mmCIF file of all heavy atoms, coordinates in Angstrom:
data_MODEL
# 
_entry.id   MODEL 
# 
loop_
_atom_site.group_PDB 
_atom_site.id 
_atom_site.type_symbol 
_atom_site.label_atom_id 
_atom_site.label_alt_id 
_atom_site.label_comp_id 
_atom_site.label_asym_id 
_atom_site.label_entity_id 
_atom_site.label_seq_id 
_atom_site.pdbx_PDB_ins_code 
_atom_site.Cartn_x 
_atom_site.Cartn_y 
_atom_site.Cartn_z 
_atom_site.occupancy 
_atom_site.B_iso_or_equiv 
_atom_site.pdbx_formal_charge 
_atom_site.auth_seq_id 
_atom_site.auth_comp_id 
_atom_site.auth_asym_id 
_atom_site.auth_atom_id 
_atom_site.pdbx_PDB_model_num 
ATOM 1   N N   . THR A 1 1  ? 91.740  54.463 104.677 1.00 0.00 ? 1  THR A N   1 
ATOM 2   C CA  . THR A 1 1  ? 91.832  54.729 103.296 1.00 0.00 ? 1  THR A CA  1 
ATOM 3   C C   . THR A 1 1  ? 93.103  54.101 102.663 1.00 0.00 ? 1  THR A C   1 
ATOM 4   O O   . THR A 1 1  ? 94.206  54.283 103.193 1.00 0.00 ? 1  THR A O   1 
ATOM 5   C CB  . THR A 1 1  ? 91.768  56.204 102.975 1.00 0.00 ? 1  THR A CB  1 
ATOM 6   O OG1 . THR A 1 1  ? 90.537  56.761 103.460 1.00 0.00 ? 1  THR A OG1 1 
ATOM 7   C CG2 . THR A 1 1  ? 91.909  56.465 101.446 1.00 0.00 ? 1  THR A CG2 1 
ATOM 8   N N   . MET A 1 2  ? 92.916  53.448 101.590 1.00 0.00 ? 2  MET A N   1 
ATOM 9   C CA  . MET A 1 2  ? 94.080  52.828 100.837 1.00 0.00 ? 2  MET A CA  1 
ATOM 10  C C   . MET A 1 2  ? 94.224  53.461 99.528  1.00 0.00 ? 2  MET A C   1 
ATOM 11  O O   . MET A 1 2  ? 93.264  53.522 98.801  1.00 0.00 ? 2  MET A O   1 
ATOM 12  C CB  . MET A 1 2  ? 93.872  51.300 100.702 1.00 0.00 ? 2  MET A CB  1 
ATOM 13  C CG  . MET A 1 2  ? 94.977  50.652 99.832  1.00 0.00 ? 2  MET A CG  1 
ATOM 14  S SD  . MET A 1 2  ? 94.723  48.840 99.683  1.00 0.00 ? 2  MET A SD  1 
ATOM 15  C CE  . MET A 1 2  ? 95.262  48.214 101.320 1.00 0.00 ? 2  MET A CE  1 
ATOM 16  N N   . PHE A 1 3  ? 95.391  53.985 99.205  1.00 0.00 ? 3  PHE A N   1 
ATOM 17  C CA  . PHE A 1 3  ? 95.671  54.568 97.870  1.00 0.00 ? 3  PHE A CA  1 
ATOM 18  C C   . PHE A 1 3  ? 96.398  53.543 97.023  1.00 0.00 ? 3  PHE A C   1 
ATOM 19  O O   . PHE A 1 3  ? 97.261  52.811 97.534  1.00 0.00 ? 3  PHE A O   1 
ATOM 20  C CB  . PHE A 1 3  ? 96.538  55.825 98.012  1.00 0.00 ? 3  PHE A CB  1 
ATOM 21  C CG  . PHE A 1 3  ? 95.853  56.958 98.659  1.00 0.00 ? 3  PHE A CG  1 
ATOM 22  C CD1 . PHE A 1 3  ? 95.938  57.201 100.019 1.00 0.00 ? 3  PHE A CD1 1 
ATOM 23  C CD2 . PHE A 1 3  ? 95.057  57.832 97.887  1.00 0.00 ? 3  PHE A CD2 1 
ATOM 24  C CE1 . PHE A 1 3  ? 95.263  58.268 100.632 1.00 0.00 ? 3  PHE A CE1 1 
ATOM 25  C CE2 . PHE A 1 3  ? 94.388  58.920 98.487  1.00 0.00 ? 3  PHE A CE2 1 
ATOM 26  C CZ  . PHE A 1 3  ? 94.451  59.128 99.861  1.00 0.00 ? 3  PHE A CZ  1 
ATOM 27  N N   . LYS A 1 4  ? 96.067  53.528 95.751  1.00 0.00 ? 4  LYS A N   1 
ATOM 28  C CA  . LYS A 1 4  ? 96.816  52.650 94.850  1.00 0.00 ? 4  LYS A CA  1 
ATOM 29  C C   . LYS A 1 4  ? 98.250  53.088 94.679  1.00 0.00 ? 4  LYS A C   1 
ATOM 30  O O   . LYS A 1 4  ? 98.516  54.260 94.321  1.00 0.00 ? 4  LYS A O   1 
ATOM 31  C CB  . LYS A 1 4  ? 96.161  52.638 93.482  1.00 0.00 ? 4  LYS A CB  1 
ATOM 32  C CG  . LYS A 1 4  ? 96.813  51.727 92.447  1.00 0.00 ? 4  LYS A CG  1 
ATOM 33  C CD  . LYS A 1 4  ? 96.099  51.741 91.135  1.00 0.00 ? 4  LYS A CD  1 
ATOM 34  C CE  . LYS A 1 4  ? 96.849  50.931 90.040  1.00 0.00 ? 4  LYS A CE  1 
ATOM 35  N NZ  . LYS A 1 4  ? 96.199  51.049 88.744  1.00 0.00 ? 4  LYS A NZ  1 
ATOM 36  N N   . SER A 1 5  ? 99.170  52.179 94.949  1.00 0.00 ? 5  SER A N   1 
ATOM 37  C CA  . SER A 1 5  ? 100.596 52.516 94.879  1.00 0.00 ? 5  SER A CA  1 
ATOM 38  C C   . SER A 1 5  ? 100.971 52.914 93.448  1.00 0.00 ? 5  SER A C   1 
ATOM 39  O O   . SER A 1 5  ? 100.477 52.362 92.469  1.00 0.00 ? 5  SER A O   1 
ATOM 40  C CB  . SER A 1 5  ? 101.399 51.303 95.351  1.00 0.00 ? 5  SER A CB  1 
ATOM 41  O OG  . SER A 1 5  ? 102.814 51.580 95.104  1.00 0.00 ? 5  SER A OG  1 
ATOM 42  N N   . GLN A 1 6  ? 101.852 53.874 93.321  1.00 0.00 ? 6  GLN A N   1 
ATOM 43  C CA  . GLN A 1 6  ? 102.351 54.314 92.021  1.00 0.00 ? 6  GLN A CA  1 
ATOM 44  C C   . GLN A 1 6  ? 103.575 53.504 91.578  1.00 0.00 ? 6  GLN A C   1 
ATOM 45  O O   . GLN A 1 6  ? 104.155 53.764 90.523  1.00 0.00 ? 6  GLN A O   1 
ATOM 46  C CB  . GLN A 1 6  ? 102.644 55.814 92.077  1.00 0.00 ? 6  GLN A CB  1 
ATOM 47  C CG  . GLN A 1 6  ? 101.453 56.683 92.395  1.00 0.00 ? 6  GLN A CG  1 
ATOM 48  C CD  . GLN A 1 6  ? 100.311 56.446 91.447  1.00 0.00 ? 6  GLN A CD  1 
ATOM 49  O OE1 . GLN A 1 6  ? 100.430 56.719 90.236  1.00 0.00 ? 6  GLN A OE1 1 
ATOM 50  N NE2 . GLN A 1 6  ? 99.177  55.948 91.921  1.00 0.00 ? 6  GLN A NE2 1 
ATOM 51  N N   . ARG A 1 7  ? 103.958 52.536 92.335  1.00 0.00 ? 7  ARG A N   1 
ATOM 52  C CA  . ARG A 1 7  ? 105.098 51.749 91.968  1.00 0.00 ? 7  ARG A CA  1 
ATOM 53  C C   . ARG A 1 7  ? 104.774 50.776 90.818  1.00 0.00 ? 7  ARG A C   1 
ATOM 54  O O   . ARG A 1 7  ? 103.609 50.345 90.647  1.00 0.00 ? 7  ARG A O   1 
ATOM 55  C CB  . ARG A 1 7  ? 105.574 50.930 93.149  1.00 0.00 ? 7  ARG A CB  1 
ATOM 56  C CG  . ARG A 1 7  ? 106.149 51.771 94.253  1.00 0.00 ? 7  ARG A CG  1 
ATOM 57  C CD  . ARG A 1 7  ? 106.605 50.955 95.473  1.00 0.00 ? 7  ARG A CD  1 
ATOM 58  N NE  . ARG A 1 7  ? 106.861 51.872 96.591  1.00 0.00 ? 7  ARG A NE  1 
ATOM 59  C CZ  . ARG A 1 7  ? 106.701 51.499 97.861  1.00 0.00 ? 7  ARG A CZ  1 
ATOM 60  N NH1 . ARG A 1 7  ? 106.283 50.348 98.111  1.00 0.00 ? 7  ARG A NH1 1 
ATOM 61  N NH2 . ARG A 1 7  ? 106.966 52.378 98.799  1.00 0.00 ? 7  ARG A NH2 1 
ATOM 62  N N   . PRO A 1 8  ? 105.774 50.437 89.981  1.00 0.00 ? 8  PRO A N   1 
ATOM 63  C CA  . PRO A 1 8  ? 105.493 49.520 88.868  1.00 0.00 ? 8  PRO A CA  1 
ATOM 64  C C   . PRO A 1 8  ? 104.991 48.212 89.319  1.00 0.00 ? 8  PRO A C   1 
ATOM 65  O O   . PRO A 1 8  ? 105.363 47.709 90.395  1.00 0.00 ? 8  PRO A O   1 
ATOM 66  C CB  . PRO A 1 8  ? 106.903 49.372 88.224  1.00 0.00 ? 8  PRO A CB  1 
ATOM 67  C CG  . PRO A 1 8  ? 107.680 50.574 88.650  1.00 0.00 ? 8  PRO A CG  1 
ATOM 68  C CD  . PRO A 1 8  ? 107.169 50.954 90.006  1.00 0.00 ? 8  PRO A CD  1 
ATOM 69  N N   . GLY A 1 9  ? 104.008 47.633 88.565  1.00 0.00 ? 9  GLY A N   1 
ATOM 70  C CA  . GLY A 1 9  ? 103.477 46.315 88.907  1.00 0.00 ? 9  GLY A CA  1 
ATOM 71  C C   . GLY A 1 9  ? 102.212 46.331 89.727  1.00 0.00 ? 9  GLY A C   1 
ATOM 72  O O   . GLY A 1 9  ? 101.546 45.396 89.860  1.00 0.00 ? 9  GLY A O   1 
ATOM 73  N N   . MET A 1 10 ? 101.822 47.541 90.234  1.00 0.00 ? 10 MET A N   1 
ATOM 74  C CA  . MET A 1 10 ? 100.581 47.640 90.997  1.00 0.00 ? 10 MET A CA  1 
ATOM 75  C C   . MET A 1 10 ? 99.401  47.881 90.001  1.00 0.00 ? 10 MET A C   1 
ATOM 76  O O   . MET A 1 10 ? 99.123  48.977 89.628  1.00 0.00 ? 10 MET A O   1 
ATOM 77  C CB  . MET A 1 10 ? 100.682 48.757 92.029  1.00 0.00 ? 10 MET A CB  1 
ATOM 78  C CG  . MET A 1 10 ? 99.396  48.983 92.823  1.00 0.00 ? 10 MET A CG  1 
ATOM 79  S SD  . MET A 1 10 ? 98.818  47.463 93.660  1.00 0.00 ? 10 MET A SD  1 
ATOM 80  C CE  . MET A 1 10 ? 100.041 47.258 94.915  1.00 0.00 ? 10 MET A CE  1 
ATOM 81  N N   . THR A 1 11 ? 98.766  46.784 89.623  1.00 0.00 ? 11 THR A N   1 
ATOM 82  C CA  . THR A 1 11 ? 97.640  46.831 88.721  1.00 0.00 ? 11 THR A CA  1 
ATOM 83  C C   . THR A 1 11 ? 96.345  47.065 89.484  1.00 0.00 ? 11 THR A C   1 
ATOM 84  O O   . THR A 1 11 ? 96.280  46.914 90.766  1.00 0.00 ? 11 THR A O   1 
ATOM 85  C CB  . THR A 1 11 ? 97.505  45.554 87.931  1.00 0.00 ? 11 THR A CB  1 
ATOM 86  O OG1 . THR A 1 11 ? 97.223  44.472 88.892  1.00 0.00 ? 11 THR A OG1 1 
ATOM 87  C CG2 . THR A 1 11 ? 98.807  45.209 87.236  1.00 0.00 ? 11 THR A CG2 1 
ATOM 88  N N   . ASP A 1 12 ? 95.230  47.346 88.755  1.00 0.00 ? 12 ASP A N   1 
ATOM 89  C CA  . ASP A 1 12 ? 93.970  47.494 89.452  1.00 0.00 ? 12 ASP A CA  1 
ATOM 90  C C   . ASP A 1 12 ? 93.555  46.238 90.082  1.00 0.00 ? 12 ASP A C   1 
ATOM 91  O O   . ASP A 1 12 ? 93.001  46.227 91.255  1.00 0.00 ? 12 ASP A O   1 
ATOM 92  C CB  . ASP A 1 12 ? 92.876  47.883 88.386  1.00 0.00 ? 12 ASP A CB  1 
ATOM 93  C CG  . ASP A 1 12 ? 93.021  49.339 88.047  1.00 0.00 ? 12 ASP A CG  1 
ATOM 94  O OD1 . ASP A 1 12 ? 93.785  50.145 88.663  1.00 0.00 ? 12 ASP A OD1 1 
ATOM 95  O OD2 . ASP A 1 12 ? 92.471  49.768 86.980  1.00 0.00 ? 12 ASP A OD2 1 
ATOM 96  N N   . ALA A 1 13 ? 93.755  45.064 89.496  1.00 0.00 ? 13 ALA A N   1 
ATOM 97  C CA  . ALA A 1 13 ? 93.431  43.806 90.082  1.00 0.00 ? 13 ALA A CA  1 
ATOM 98  C C   . ALA A 1 13 ? 94.162  43.563 91.358  1.00 0.00 ? 13 ALA A C   1 
ATOM 99  O O   . ALA A 1 13 ? 93.602  43.067 92.349  1.00 0.00 ? 13 ALA A O   1 
ATOM 100 C CB  . ALA A 1 13 ? 93.638  42.669 89.052  1.00 0.00 ? 13 ALA A CB  1 
ATOM 101 N N   . LEU A 1 14 ? 95.449  43.838 91.350  1.00 0.00 ? 14 LEU A N   1 
ATOM 102 C CA  . LEU A 1 14 ? 96.267  43.649 92.555  1.00 0.00 ? 14 LEU A CA  1 
ATOM 103 C C   . LEU A 1 14 ? 95.846  44.610 93.682  1.00 0.00 ? 14 LEU A C   1 
ATOM 104 O O   . LEU A 1 14 ? 95.810  44.250 94.842  1.00 0.00 ? 14 LEU A O   1 
ATOM 105 C CB  . LEU A 1 14 ? 97.732  43.826 92.219  1.00 0.00 ? 14 LEU A CB  1 
ATOM 106 C CG  . LEU A 1 14 ? 98.784  43.438 93.281  1.00 0.00 ? 14 LEU A CG  1 
ATOM 107 C CD1 . LEU A 1 14 ? 98.549  41.992 93.781  1.00 0.00 ? 14 LEU A CD1 1 
ATOM 108 C CD2 . LEU A 1 14 ? 100.169 43.652 92.782  1.00 0.00 ? 14 LEU A CD2 1 
ATOM 109 N N   . PHE A 1 15 ? 95.519  45.847 93.296  1.00 0.00 ? 15 PHE A N   1 
ATOM 110 C CA  . PHE A 1 15 ? 95.071  46.836 94.261  1.00 0.00 ? 15 PHE A CA  1 
ATOM 111 C C   . PHE A 1 15 ? 93.795  46.389 94.964  1.00 0.00 ? 15 PHE A C   1 
ATOM 112 O O   . PHE A 1 15 ? 93.642  46.439 96.158  1.00 0.00 ? 15 PHE A O   1 
ATOM 113 C CB  . PHE A 1 15 ? 94.856  48.166 93.542  1.00 0.00 ? 15 PHE A CB  1 
ATOM 114 C CG  . PHE A 1 15 ? 94.246  49.207 94.426  1.00 0.00 ? 15 PHE A CG  1 
ATOM 115 C CD1 . PHE A 1 15 ? 94.944  49.802 95.491  1.00 0.00 ? 15 PHE A CD1 1 
ATOM 116 C CD2 . PHE A 1 15 ? 92.901  49.609 94.196  1.00 0.00 ? 15 PHE A CD2 1 
ATOM 117 C CE1 . PHE A 1 15 ? 94.374  50.781 96.304  1.00 0.00 ? 15 PHE A CE1 1 
ATOM 118 C CE2 . PHE A 1 15 ? 92.347  50.606 95.019  1.00 0.00 ? 15 PHE A CE2 1 
ATOM 119 C CZ  . PHE A 1 15 ? 93.053  51.128 96.047  1.00 0.00 ? 15 PHE A CZ  1 
ATOM 120 N N   . GLU A 1 16 ? 92.818  45.836 94.082  1.00 0.00 ? 16 GLU A N   1 
ATOM 121 C CA  . GLU A 1 16 ? 91.572  45.353 94.646  1.00 0.00 ? 16 GLU A CA  1 
ATOM 122 C C   . GLU A 1 16 ? 91.762  44.185 95.597  1.00 0.00 ? 16 GLU A C   1 
ATOM 123 O O   . GLU A 1 16 ? 91.125  43.981 96.610  1.00 0.00 ? 16 GLU A O   1 
ATOM 124 C CB  . GLU A 1 16 ? 90.638  44.987 93.546  1.00 0.00 ? 16 GLU A CB  1 
ATOM 125 C CG  . GLU A 1 16 ? 90.118  46.185 92.780  1.00 0.00 ? 16 GLU A CG  1 
ATOM 126 C CD  . GLU A 1 16 ? 89.318  47.147 93.661  1.00 0.00 ? 16 GLU A CD  1 
ATOM 127 O OE1 . GLU A 1 16 ? 88.610  46.689 94.558  1.00 0.00 ? 16 GLU A OE1 1 
ATOM 128 O OE2 . GLU A 1 16 ? 89.400  48.375 93.450  1.00 0.00 ? 16 GLU A OE2 1 
ATOM 129 N N   . MET A 1 17 ? 92.751  43.288 95.287  1.00 0.00 ? 17 MET A N   1 
ATOM 130 C CA  . MET A 1 17 ? 93.081  42.149 96.123  1.00 0.00 ? 17 MET A CA  1 
ATOM 131 C C   . MET A 1 17 ? 93.636  42.615 97.462  1.00 0.00 ? 17 MET A C   1 
ATOM 132 O O   . MET A 1 17 ? 93.256  42.102 98.509  1.00 0.00 ? 17 MET A O   1 
ATOM 133 C CB  . MET A 1 17 ? 94.095  41.253 95.420  1.00 0.00 ? 17 MET A CB  1 
ATOM 134 C CG  . MET A 1 17 ? 94.483  40.049 96.265  1.00 0.00 ? 17 MET A CG  1 
ATOM 135 S SD  . MET A 1 17 ? 95.511  38.864 95.331  1.00 0.00 ? 17 MET A SD  1 
ATOM 136 C CE  . MET A 1 17 ? 97.027  39.812 95.206  1.00 0.00 ? 17 MET A CE  1 
ATOM 137 N N   . HIS A 1 18 ? 94.508  43.669 97.406  1.00 0.00 ? 18 HIS A N   1 
ATOM 138 C CA  . HIS A 1 18 ? 95.053  44.240 98.670  1.00 0.00 ? 18 HIS A CA  1 
ATOM 139 C C   . HIS A 1 18 ? 93.917  44.880 99.431  1.00 0.00 ? 18 HIS A C   1 
ATOM 140 O O   . HIS A 1 18 ? 93.899  44.787 100.673 1.00 0.00 ? 18 HIS A O   1 
ATOM 141 C CB  . HIS A 1 18 ? 96.149  45.229 98.332  1.00 0.00 ? 18 HIS A CB  1 
ATOM 142 C CG  . HIS A 1 18 ? 97.433  44.604 97.883  1.00 0.00 ? 18 HIS A CG  1 
ATOM 143 N ND1 . HIS A 1 18 ? 98.509  45.304 97.462  1.00 0.00 ? 18 HIS A ND1 1 
ATOM 144 C CD2 . HIS A 1 18 ? 97.774  43.306 97.756  1.00 0.00 ? 18 HIS A CD2 1 
ATOM 145 C CE1 . HIS A 1 18 ? 99.483  44.531 97.142  1.00 0.00 ? 18 HIS A CE1 1 
ATOM 146 N NE2 . HIS A 1 18 ? 99.056  43.320 97.241  1.00 0.00 ? 18 HIS A NE2 1 
ATOM 147 N N   . TYR A 1 19 ? 92.999  45.500 98.775  1.00 0.00 ? 19 TYR A N   1 
ATOM 148 C CA  . TYR A 1 19 ? 91.927  46.191 99.466  1.00 0.00 ? 19 TYR A CA  1 
ATOM 149 C C   . TYR A 1 19 ? 91.016  45.183 100.143 1.00 0.00 ? 19 TYR A C   1 
ATOM 150 O O   . TYR A 1 19 ? 90.628  45.348 101.288 1.00 0.00 ? 19 TYR A O   1 
ATOM 151 C CB  . TYR A 1 19 ? 91.166  47.110 98.543  1.00 0.00 ? 19 TYR A CB  1 
ATOM 152 C CG  . TYR A 1 19 ? 89.993  47.796 99.244  1.00 0.00 ? 19 TYR A CG  1 
ATOM 153 C CD1 . TYR A 1 19 ? 90.162  48.722 100.231 1.00 0.00 ? 19 TYR A CD1 1 
ATOM 154 C CD2 . TYR A 1 19 ? 88.611  47.449 98.912  1.00 0.00 ? 19 TYR A CD2 1 
ATOM 155 C CE1 . TYR A 1 19 ? 89.109  49.323 100.873 1.00 0.00 ? 19 TYR A CE1 1 
ATOM 156 C CE2 . TYR A 1 19 ? 87.556  48.054 99.548  1.00 0.00 ? 19 TYR A CE2 1 
ATOM 157 C CZ  . TYR A 1 19 ? 87.859  49.004 100.534 1.00 0.00 ? 19 TYR A CZ  1 
ATOM 158 O OH  . TYR A 1 19 ? 86.762  49.610 101.173 1.00 0.00 ? 19 TYR A OH  1 
ATOM 159 N N   . ARG A 1 20 ? 90.740  44.082 99.509  1.00 0.00 ? 20 ARG A N   1 
ATOM 160 C CA  . ARG A 1 20 ? 89.930  43.014 100.134 1.00 0.00 ? 20 ARG A CA  1 
ATOM 161 C C   . ARG A 1 20 ? 90.651  42.513 101.391 1.00 0.00 ? 20 ARG A C   1 
ATOM 162 O O   . ARG A 1 20 ? 89.968  42.219 102.378 1.00 0.00 ? 20 ARG A O   1 
ATOM 163 C CB  . ARG A 1 20 ? 89.668  41.905 99.189  1.00 0.00 ? 20 ARG A CB  1 
ATOM 164 C CG  . ARG A 1 20 ? 88.575  42.173 98.171  1.00 0.00 ? 20 ARG A CG  1 
ATOM 165 C CD  . ARG A 1 20 ? 88.220  40.965 97.293  1.00 0.00 ? 20 ARG A CD  1 
ATOM 166 N NE  . ARG A 1 20 ? 87.132  41.242 96.442  1.00 0.00 ? 20 ARG A NE  1 
ATOM 167 C CZ  . ARG A 1 20 ? 85.844  41.134 96.721  1.00 0.00 ? 20 ARG A CZ  1 
ATOM 168 N NH1 . ARG A 1 20 ? 85.547  40.691 97.934  1.00 0.00 ? 20 ARG A NH1 1 
ATOM 169 N NH2 . ARG A 1 20 ? 84.947  41.391 95.852  1.00 0.00 ? 20 ARG A NH2 1 
ATOM 170 N N   . GLY A 1 21 ? 91.939  42.395 101.326 1.00 0.00 ? 21 GLY A N   1 
ATOM 171 C CA  . GLY A 1 21 ? 92.683  41.980 102.538 1.00 0.00 ? 21 GLY A CA  1 
ATOM 172 C C   . GLY A 1 21 ? 92.554  42.987 103.646 1.00 0.00 ? 21 GLY A C   1 
ATOM 173 O O   . GLY A 1 21 ? 92.353  42.633 104.820 1.00 0.00 ? 21 GLY A O   1 
ATOM 174 N N   . LEU A 1 22 ? 92.607  44.258 103.343 1.00 0.00 ? 22 LEU A N   1 
ATOM 175 C CA  . LEU A 1 22 ? 92.394  45.297 104.347 1.00 0.00 ? 22 LEU A CA  1 
ATOM 176 C C   . LEU A 1 22 ? 91.030  45.237 104.934 1.00 0.00 ? 22 LEU A C   1 
ATOM 177 O O   . LEU A 1 22 ? 90.860  45.331 106.134 1.00 0.00 ? 22 LEU A O   1 
ATOM 178 C CB  . LEU A 1 22 ? 92.611  46.710 103.709 1.00 0.00 ? 22 LEU A CB  1 
ATOM 179 C CG  . LEU A 1 22 ? 92.250  47.919 104.561 1.00 0.00 ? 22 LEU A CG  1 
ATOM 180 C CD1 . LEU A 1 22 ? 93.137  48.020 105.778 1.00 0.00 ? 22 LEU A CD1 1 
ATOM 181 C CD2 . LEU A 1 22 ? 92.295  49.141 103.739 1.00 0.00 ? 22 LEU A CD2 1 
ATOM 182 N N   . VAL A 1 23 ? 89.993  45.007 104.108 1.00 0.00 ? 23 VAL A N   1 
ATOM 183 C CA  . VAL A 1 23 ? 88.640  44.904 104.619 1.00 0.00 ? 23 VAL A CA  1 
ATOM 184 C C   . VAL A 1 23 ? 88.508  43.708 105.667 1.00 0.00 ? 23 VAL A C   1 
ATOM 185 O O   . VAL A 1 23 ? 87.907  43.904 106.668 1.00 0.00 ? 23 VAL A O   1 
ATOM 186 C CB  . VAL A 1 23 ? 87.659  44.670 103.429 1.00 0.00 ? 23 VAL A CB  1 
ATOM 187 C CG1 . VAL A 1 23 ? 86.234  44.390 103.989 1.00 0.00 ? 23 VAL A CG1 1 
ATOM 188 C CG2 . VAL A 1 23 ? 87.565  45.984 102.630 1.00 0.00 ? 23 VAL A CG2 1 
ATOM 189 N N   . ARG A 1 24 ? 89.160  42.596 105.317 1.00 0.00 ? 24 ARG A N   1 
ATOM 190 C CA  . ARG A 1 24 ? 89.154  41.476 106.246 1.00 0.00 ? 24 ARG A CA  1 
ATOM 191 C C   . ARG A 1 24 ? 89.798  41.839 107.573 1.00 0.00 ? 24 ARG A C   1 
ATOM 192 O O   . ARG A 1 24 ? 89.321  41.520 108.663 1.00 0.00 ? 24 ARG A O   1 
ATOM 193 C CB  . ARG A 1 24 ? 89.770  40.258 105.653 1.00 0.00 ? 24 ARG A CB  1 
ATOM 194 C CG  . ARG A 1 24 ? 89.018  39.620 104.542 1.00 0.00 ? 24 ARG A CG  1 
ATOM 195 C CD  . ARG A 1 24 ? 89.618  38.215 104.230 1.00 0.00 ? 24 ARG A CD  1 
ATOM 196 N NE  . ARG A 1 24 ? 90.984  38.289 103.756 1.00 0.00 ? 24 ARG A NE  1 
ATOM 197 C CZ  . ARG A 1 24 ? 91.358  38.466 102.504 1.00 0.00 ? 24 ARG A CZ  1 
ATOM 198 N NH1 . ARG A 1 24 ? 90.405  38.608 101.571 1.00 0.00 ? 24 ARG A NH1 1 
ATOM 199 N NH2 . ARG A 1 24 ? 92.620  38.555 102.119 1.00 0.00 ? 24 ARG A NH2 1 
# 
């Protein structure tokens, strides 16, 4: 499970990009 970081700059688009990386 990946949670969206609460740090500044973590947008939904960036979160989804990181999640795709995790899936790979």
